[in-house]
Amino acid sequence: MAQATRQSSMVGELEVDVEIKVPAQKYYHMLTGRPQDLPKATPDNIKRCDVLEGEPGKVGNILFWNYFVDGEPKVAKERIEKLEPEKNLMVARIIEGDLMKEFKSFLITIQATPKQGGPGSVVKCHMKYERIHEKVADPENLLAAFVKASKDMDEMLSSEQTKEEFNHLKKMAQLKPSLQGEVKADIEIKAPASKFFHMLSVTLQDVSKASPENIQRVSVQGGEMLRVGTHVTWNYVHDGKLKVAKETIEAVDPIENMIKFRVIEGDLMKEFKSFLFTMQVTPKQGGTGGVVKWNLSYERIDENVAHPDTLLQMCLKMAKDIDEMLLSKE
């Protein structure tokens, strides 16, 4: 909200705060370093800005503005009197133009301050002036135009920032393609969830009987099933080739029917820096059976290594075979 104060019958001050979404330094940079872009940001308020002397962003720089107040075209010539980049502060003095027909002097101070405890900033505009006579109104309409222009600048800068962030992420993705990945899939089963979990966590040796086309042998070393740290070796068939994987049980939760196997040795380690299998089976709501969720998370050694989609399909086929074996025993 604008506030007006009078120091004498002719001297007065107005100030207003405007909240914006972008960082304070971005607003300050556009205001002082890119004044020619302001007509693009707020064409309803500013028609044109020309640099007459000096360089943008330098004290002594003289700008000529074509702008609108209450829909009427105006002009103003201003000189930059003070710049404090570390405080995002600018002081400009009007030296020629329409304002000088009604004011003996007109000084504008603008400062953008980072918002405390959150993103965005607060822009404070302070106008100090001396009217030529009492019939001249305080320039509240000019202050309102400043508020509108600042909000328009904020929208343009926000759009630029979003585009910059997108391009940065795109560039980073091109420079450093992600070698980490994750594939997952669900499959419904008819057997009880608890029985399915029991086979994959306690009676693992029976998996080869249930799915001989995929699993040739499962052996347990160095621990007991359902214990974190137990080692399990799988001899399996993947893409028609015999493979081996030594895994350690990284996590197990009998209540949630969840188990995690981390691969520590074997064929997968030739192509992956890390590989984690997570299996969880959830009872189906309002009926028998359950849903088996497989999640394979990994990091490839390079871009030439394919994502393990076919290995995920093997896990789904194995789950289907286990389900059929469990149903046959009921």
Protein backbone atom coordinates (compact mmCIF):
# COMPACT_ATOMS: atom_id res chain seq x y z
CA MET A 1 0.00 0.00 0.00
CA ALA A 2 1.30 3.45 -0.93
CA GLN A 3 2.07 5.89 1.84
CA ALA A 4 2.41 9.64 1.35
CA THR A 5 4.17 12.05 3.68
CA ARG A 6 4.63 15.82 3.44
CA GLN A 7 7.78 17.50 4.70
CA SER A 8 6.46 20.95 3.76
CA SER A 9 3.65 22.37 1.68
CA MET A 10 5.46 21.49 -1.56
CA VAL A 11 7.89 18.69 -0.67
CA GLY A 12 6.49 15.19 -0.40
CA GLU A 13 7.33 11.50 -0.42
CA LEU A 14 5.55 8.36 -1.55
CA GLU A 15 6.61 4.75 -1.12
CA VAL A 16 5.23 1.29 -1.81
CA ASP A 17 6.31 -2.34 -1.41
CA VAL A 18 5.73 -4.95 -4.11
CA GLU A 19 6.20 -8.68 -3.51
CA ILE A 20 7.73 -10.62 -6.40
CA LYS A 21 8.56 -14.29 -6.99
CA VAL A 22 12.01 -13.94 -8.56
CA PRO A 23 15.32 -13.35 -6.73
CA ALA A 24 16.13 -9.73 -5.87
CA GLN A 25 19.30 -9.68 -7.98
CA LYS A 26 17.40 -10.75 -11.12
CA TYR A 27 14.95 -7.87 -10.72
CA TYR A 28 17.81 -5.43 -10.06
CA HIS A 29 19.75 -6.66 -13.09
CA MET A 30 16.79 -6.12 -15.42
CA LEU A 31 16.09 -2.68 -13.99
CA THR A 32 19.68 -1.44 -14.23
CA GLY A 33 21.39 -3.63 -16.82
CA ARG A 34 18.56 -4.37 -19.26
CA PRO A 35 16.29 -1.29 -19.26
CA GLN A 36 15.61 -1.74 -23.00
CA ASP A 37 13.80 -5.01 -22.16
CA LEU A 38 11.25 -3.34 -19.90
CA PRO A 39 8.90 -2.43 -22.80
CA LYS A 40 8.74 -6.15 -23.63
CA ALA A 41 7.89 -7.00 -20.03
CA THR A 42 5.29 -4.27 -19.47
CA PRO A 43 4.10 -2.79 -22.79
CA ASP A 44 1.00 -1.27 -21.15
CA ASN A 45 3.23 0.94 -19.00
CA ILE A 46 6.42 1.45 -20.99
CA LYS A 47 6.54 2.03 -24.74
CA ARG A 48 10.27 2.52 -25.16
CA CYS A 49 13.54 3.08 -23.31
CA ASP A 50 16.62 4.58 -24.98
CA VAL A 51 20.14 4.89 -23.59
CA LEU A 52 21.31 8.44 -24.34
CA GLU A 53 24.60 8.52 -22.45
CA GLY A 54 26.84 6.04 -20.69
CA GLU A 55 26.25 2.34 -20.21
CA PRO A 56 23.40 0.52 -18.49
CA GLY A 57 24.39 -0.49 -14.99
CA LYS A 58 26.74 2.50 -14.55
CA VAL A 59 26.33 5.66 -12.46
CA GLY A 60 25.79 8.68 -14.73
CA ASN A 61 23.89 6.66 -17.32
CA ILE A 62 21.12 8.79 -18.88
CA LEU A 63 17.91 7.12 -20.07
CA PHE A 64 14.96 8.46 -22.05
CA TRP A 65 11.60 6.84 -21.27
CA ASN A 66 8.40 6.79 -23.29
CA TYR A 67 5.73 5.59 -20.87
CA PHE A 68 2.04 5.72 -20.01
CA VAL A 69 0.26 7.03 -16.91
CA ASP A 70 -3.51 6.60 -16.76
CA GLY A 71 -3.41 5.75 -20.46
CA GLU A 72 -1.71 9.02 -21.44
CA PRO A 73 1.70 8.96 -23.17
CA LYS A 74 4.51 10.65 -21.26
CA VAL A 75 8.26 11.13 -21.60
CA ALA A 76 11.01 11.37 -19.00
CA LYS A 77 14.74 11.84 -19.10
CA GLU A 78 16.52 10.45 -16.04
CA ARG A 79 20.06 10.19 -14.75
CA ILE A 80 21.27 7.26 -12.63
CA GLU A 81 22.74 8.88 -9.51
CA LYS A 82 23.54 5.87 -7.35
CA LEU A 83 23.94 2.11 -7.74
CA GLU A 84 24.66 -0.41 -4.99
CA PRO A 85 24.60 -3.90 -6.56
CA GLU A 86 25.31 -5.61 -3.23
CA LYS A 87 22.07 -4.07 -1.89
CA ASN A 88 20.17 -4.26 -5.22
CA LEU A 89 19.59 -0.51 -4.90
CA MET A 90 19.23 2.17 -7.58
CA VAL A 91 18.63 5.92 -7.27
CA ALA A 92 17.52 7.88 -10.36
CA ARG A 93 16.78 11.60 -10.78
CA ILE A 94 14.33 12.97 -13.35
CA ILE A 95 16.02 15.83 -15.22
CA GLU A 96 13.65 16.51 -18.15
CA GLY A 97 10.19 15.58 -19.42
CA ASP A 98 6.54 15.81 -18.42
CA LEU A 99 7.20 15.45 -14.69
CA MET A 100 9.33 18.60 -14.76
CA LYS A 101 6.22 20.57 -15.79
CA GLU A 102 4.75 19.92 -12.33
CA PHE A 103 7.73 19.19 -10.10
CA LYS A 104 10.88 21.15 -9.33
CA SER A 105 12.69 17.93 -8.43
CA PHE A 106 11.87 14.24 -8.59
CA LEU A 107 14.03 11.45 -7.13
CA ILE A 108 13.20 7.74 -7.36
CA THR A 109 14.86 5.10 -5.14
CA ILE A 110 14.22 1.43 -5.88
CA GLN A 111 15.58 -1.46 -3.82
CA ALA A 112 14.89 -5.20 -4.09
CA THR A 113 15.40 -7.23 -0.91
CA PRO A 114 15.34 -11.05 -0.60
CA LYS A 115 12.29 -12.23 1.34
CA GLN A 116 13.11 -13.59 4.78
CA GLY A 117 12.43 -17.30 5.29
CA GLY A 118 11.27 -18.07 1.79
CA PRO A 119 11.70 -17.58 -1.96
CA GLY A 120 11.03 -14.33 -3.75
CA SER A 121 11.73 -10.71 -2.87
CA VAL A 122 10.19 -7.41 -1.86
CA VAL A 123 10.71 -4.36 -4.08
CA LYS A 124 10.48 -0.98 -2.35
CA CYS A 125 9.96 2.14 -4.42
CA HIS A 126 10.43 5.54 -2.77
CA MET A 127 9.61 8.76 -4.61
CA LYS A 128 10.76 12.11 -3.20
CA TYR A 129 9.65 15.27 -4.99
CA GLU A 130 8.91 18.98 -4.79
CA ARG A 131 5.78 20.27 -6.50
CA ILE A 132 5.81 23.61 -8.33
CA HIS A 133 2.52 24.65 -6.64
CA GLU A 134 -0.20 23.31 -4.39
CA LYS A 135 -2.55 22.37 -7.23
CA VAL A 136 -0.16 19.61 -8.37
CA ALA A 137 -1.33 16.24 -7.02
CA ASP A 138 0.94 13.74 -5.35
CA PRO A 139 2.11 11.25 -8.04
CA GLU A 140 0.12 8.28 -6.73
CA ASN A 141 -0.87 7.31 -10.28
CA LEU A 142 2.84 7.06 -11.18
CA LEU A 143 3.41 4.84 -8.14
CA ALA A 144 0.51 2.61 -9.23
CA ALA A 145 2.10 2.32 -12.68
CA PHE A 146 5.35 1.27 -11.01
CA VAL A 147 3.54 -1.49 -9.09
CA LYS A 148 1.97 -2.82 -12.29
CA ALA A 149 5.30 -2.63 -14.16
CA SER A 150 7.11 -4.51 -11.36
CA LYS A 151 4.55 -7.32 -11.42
CA ASP A 152 4.90 -7.55 -15.21
CA MET A 153 8.69 -7.69 -14.87
CA ASP A 154 8.29 -10.45 -12.30
CA GLU A 155 6.20 -12.52 -14.73
CA MET A 156 8.75 -12.12 -17.53
CA LEU A 157 11.69 -12.93 -15.25
CA SER A 158 9.86 -15.97 -13.83
CA SER A 159 9.31 -17.24 -17.36
CA GLU A 160 12.98 -16.69 -18.23
CA GLN A 161 14.07 -18.42 -15.03
CA THR A 162 11.91 -21.47 -15.77
CA LYS A 163 13.35 -21.63 -19.29
CA GLU A 164 16.92 -21.28 -17.95
CA GLU A 165 16.37 -24.07 -15.43
CA PHE A 166 14.88 -26.32 -18.11
CA ASN A 167 17.76 -25.66 -20.50
CA HIS A 168 20.28 -26.27 -17.70
CA LEU A 169 18.70 -29.60 -16.82
CA LYS A 170 18.54 -30.52 -20.49
CA LYS A 171 22.21 -29.62 -20.94
CA MET A 172 23.23 -31.58 -17.86
CA ALA A 173 21.26 -34.56 -19.09
CA GLN A 174 23.10 -34.35 -22.42
CA LEU A 175 26.50 -33.97 -20.76
CA LYS A 176 25.92 -36.62 -18.10
CA PRO A 177 23.37 -39.20 -19.17
CA SER A 178 22.02 -40.97 -16.11
CA LEU A 179 23.46 -44.45 -15.66
CA GLN A 180 21.15 -45.13 -12.75
CA GLY A 181 17.80 -46.67 -13.47
CA GLU A 182 14.82 -48.56 -12.22
CA VAL A 183 12.38 -50.99 -13.82
CA LYS A 184 9.34 -52.39 -12.08
CA ALA A 185 6.22 -54.38 -12.76
CA ASP A 186 3.30 -56.05 -10.99
CA ILE A 187 1.71 -59.45 -11.51
CA GLU A 188 -1.42 -60.86 -9.92
CA ILE A 189 -1.30 -64.28 -8.26
CA LYS A 190 -4.04 -66.61 -7.04
CA ALA A 191 -2.10 -68.17 -4.17
CA PRO A 192 -2.10 -66.50 -0.72
CA ALA A 193 0.43 -63.68 -0.38
CA SER A 194 1.94 -65.23 2.76
CA LYS A 195 2.69 -68.53 1.01
CA PHE A 196 4.31 -66.79 -1.96
CA PHE A 197 6.51 -64.70 0.37
CA HIS A 198 7.44 -67.84 2.36
CA MET A 199 8.81 -69.55 -0.75
CA LEU A 200 10.93 -66.55 -1.79
CA SER A 201 12.24 -65.94 1.72
CA VAL A 202 12.38 -69.31 3.51
CA THR A 203 12.17 -72.23 1.04
CA LEU A 204 14.17 -70.65 -1.78
CA GLN A 205 15.56 -74.05 -2.79
CA ASP A 206 12.07 -74.94 -4.07
CA VAL A 207 12.06 -72.10 -6.60
CA SER A 208 14.07 -74.22 -9.06
CA LYS A 209 11.35 -76.90 -8.87
CA ALA A 210 8.63 -74.34 -9.53
CA SER A 211 10.39 -72.57 -12.42
CA PRO A 212 13.05 -74.90 -13.89
CA GLU A 213 13.19 -73.02 -17.20
CA ASN A 214 14.40 -69.91 -15.38
CA ILE A 215 16.07 -71.12 -12.17
CA GLN A 216 18.40 -74.12 -12.17
CA ARG A 217 19.50 -73.94 -8.55
CA VAL A 218 19.33 -71.78 -5.44
CA SER A 219 21.77 -72.33 -2.58
CA VAL A 220 22.02 -70.56 0.77
CA GLN A 221 25.38 -69.85 2.39
CA GLY A 222 26.59 -67.89 5.37
CA GLY A 223 23.44 -67.43 7.36
CA GLU A 224 19.81 -68.37 7.70
CA MET A 225 16.83 -67.42 5.62
CA LEU A 226 14.79 -64.47 6.82
CA ARG A 227 18.01 -62.98 8.21
CA VAL A 228 19.68 -59.85 6.91
CA GLY A 229 23.21 -60.63 5.70
CA THR A 230 22.47 -64.18 4.52
CA HIS A 231 24.13 -65.00 1.18
CA VAL A 232 22.17 -66.66 -1.62
CA THR A 233 23.60 -67.96 -4.91
CA TRP A 234 21.32 -68.23 -7.94
CA ASN A 235 22.07 -70.33 -11.02
CA TYR A 236 19.60 -69.08 -13.60
CA VAL A 237 18.89 -68.81 -17.31
CA HIS A 238 18.62 -65.34 -18.82
CA ASP A 239 18.16 -64.65 -22.53
CA GLY A 240 18.92 -68.33 -23.15
CA LYS A 241 22.30 -68.19 -21.38
CA LEU A 242 23.39 -69.75 -18.10
CA LYS A 243 24.14 -67.11 -15.48
CA VAL A 244 25.12 -66.94 -11.84
CA ALA A 245 24.46 -64.30 -9.19
CA LYS A 246 25.57 -64.14 -5.58
CA GLU A 247 23.31 -61.97 -3.48
CA THR A 248 22.98 -60.85 0.12
CA ILE A 249 19.66 -60.28 1.85
CA GLU A 250 19.66 -56.54 2.52
CA ALA A 251 16.23 -56.20 4.10
CA VAL A 252 13.33 -58.46 5.04
CA ASP A 253 9.91 -57.65 6.48
CA PRO A 254 7.61 -60.66 7.09
CA ILE A 255 4.73 -58.40 8.12
CA GLU A 256 4.81 -56.52 4.81
CA ASN A 257 5.84 -59.65 2.84
CA MET A 258 8.88 -57.78 1.50
CA ILE A 259 12.46 -58.88 0.84
CA LYS A 260 15.45 -57.19 -0.82
CA PHE A 261 18.38 -58.98 -2.48
CA ARG A 262 21.55 -57.03 -3.37
CA VAL A 263 23.79 -58.58 -6.01
CA ILE A 264 27.43 -58.67 -4.87
CA GLU A 265 29.07 -61.06 -7.38
CA GLY A 266 28.36 -62.77 -10.68
CA ASP A 267 27.44 -61.98 -14.28
CA LEU A 268 25.38 -58.88 -13.49
CA MET A 269 28.43 -57.23 -11.92
CA LYS A 270 30.11 -57.29 -15.34
CA GLU A 271 27.61 -54.70 -16.57
CA PHE A 272 26.31 -53.00 -13.43
CA LYS A 273 28.02 -51.16 -10.59
CA SER A 274 25.10 -51.98 -8.31
CA PHE A 275 21.94 -54.06 -8.56
CA LEU A 276 19.09 -54.44 -6.07
CA PHE A 277 16.04 -56.72 -6.36
CA THR A 278 13.01 -55.80 -4.25
CA MET A 279 10.03 -58.14 -4.08
CA GLN A 280 6.83 -57.45 -2.18
CA VAL A 281 3.56 -59.34 -2.32
CA THR A 282 0.38 -57.67 -1.11
CA PRO A 283 -2.88 -59.51 -0.33
CA LYS A 284 -5.64 -58.60 -2.77
CA GLN A 285 -8.33 -56.41 -1.25
CA GLY A 286 -11.70 -58.10 -0.95
CA GLY A 287 -10.65 -61.43 -2.40
CA THR A 288 -8.12 -64.25 -2.52
CA GLY A 289 -4.64 -64.07 -3.99
CA GLY A 290 -2.35 -61.09 -4.12
CA VAL A 291 -0.22 -58.76 -6.20
CA VAL A 292 3.52 -59.34 -6.55
CA LYS A 293 5.58 -56.19 -7.11
CA TRP A 294 9.09 -56.50 -8.54
CA ASN A 295 11.43 -53.52 -8.48
CA LEU A 296 14.92 -53.69 -10.01
CA SER A 297 17.12 -50.64 -9.24
CA TYR A 298 20.64 -50.44 -10.65
CA GLU A 299 23.54 -48.42 -11.97
CA ARG A 300 25.02 -49.38 -15.33
CA ILE A 301 28.76 -49.23 -15.91
CA ASP A 302 28.27 -47.28 -19.17
CA GLU A 303 25.66 -46.24 -21.73
CA ASN A 304 26.19 -49.33 -23.86
CA VAL A 305 24.65 -51.57 -21.20
CA ALA A 306 20.95 -52.18 -21.83
CA HIS A 307 18.34 -51.67 -19.15
CA PRO A 308 17.40 -55.04 -17.59
CA ASP A 309 13.88 -55.27 -19.03
CA THR A 310 14.30 -58.91 -20.03
CA LEU A 311 15.49 -59.77 -16.52
CA LEU A 312 12.33 -58.18 -15.14
CA GLN A 313 10.26 -60.33 -17.48
CA MET A 314 12.10 -63.39 -16.16
CA CYS A 315 11.13 -62.39 -12.60
CA LEU A 316 7.48 -62.12 -13.65
CA LYS A 317 7.60 -65.53 -15.36
CA MET A 318 9.20 -67.05 -12.25
CA ALA A 319 6.46 -65.52 -10.07
CA LYS A 320 3.78 -67.01 -12.31
CA ASP A 321 5.43 -70.45 -12.09
CA ILE A 322 5.67 -70.22 -8.28
CA ASP A 323 1.98 -69.30 -8.14
CA GLU A 324 1.03 -72.36 -10.17
CA MET A 325 3.11 -74.66 -7.97
CA LEU A 326 1.56 -73.24 -4.78
CA LEU A 327 -1.95 -73.66 -6.18
CA SER A 328 -1.25 -77.27 -7.14
CA LYS A 329 -0.40 -78.06 -3.51
CA GLU A 330 -3.63 -76.66 -2.09
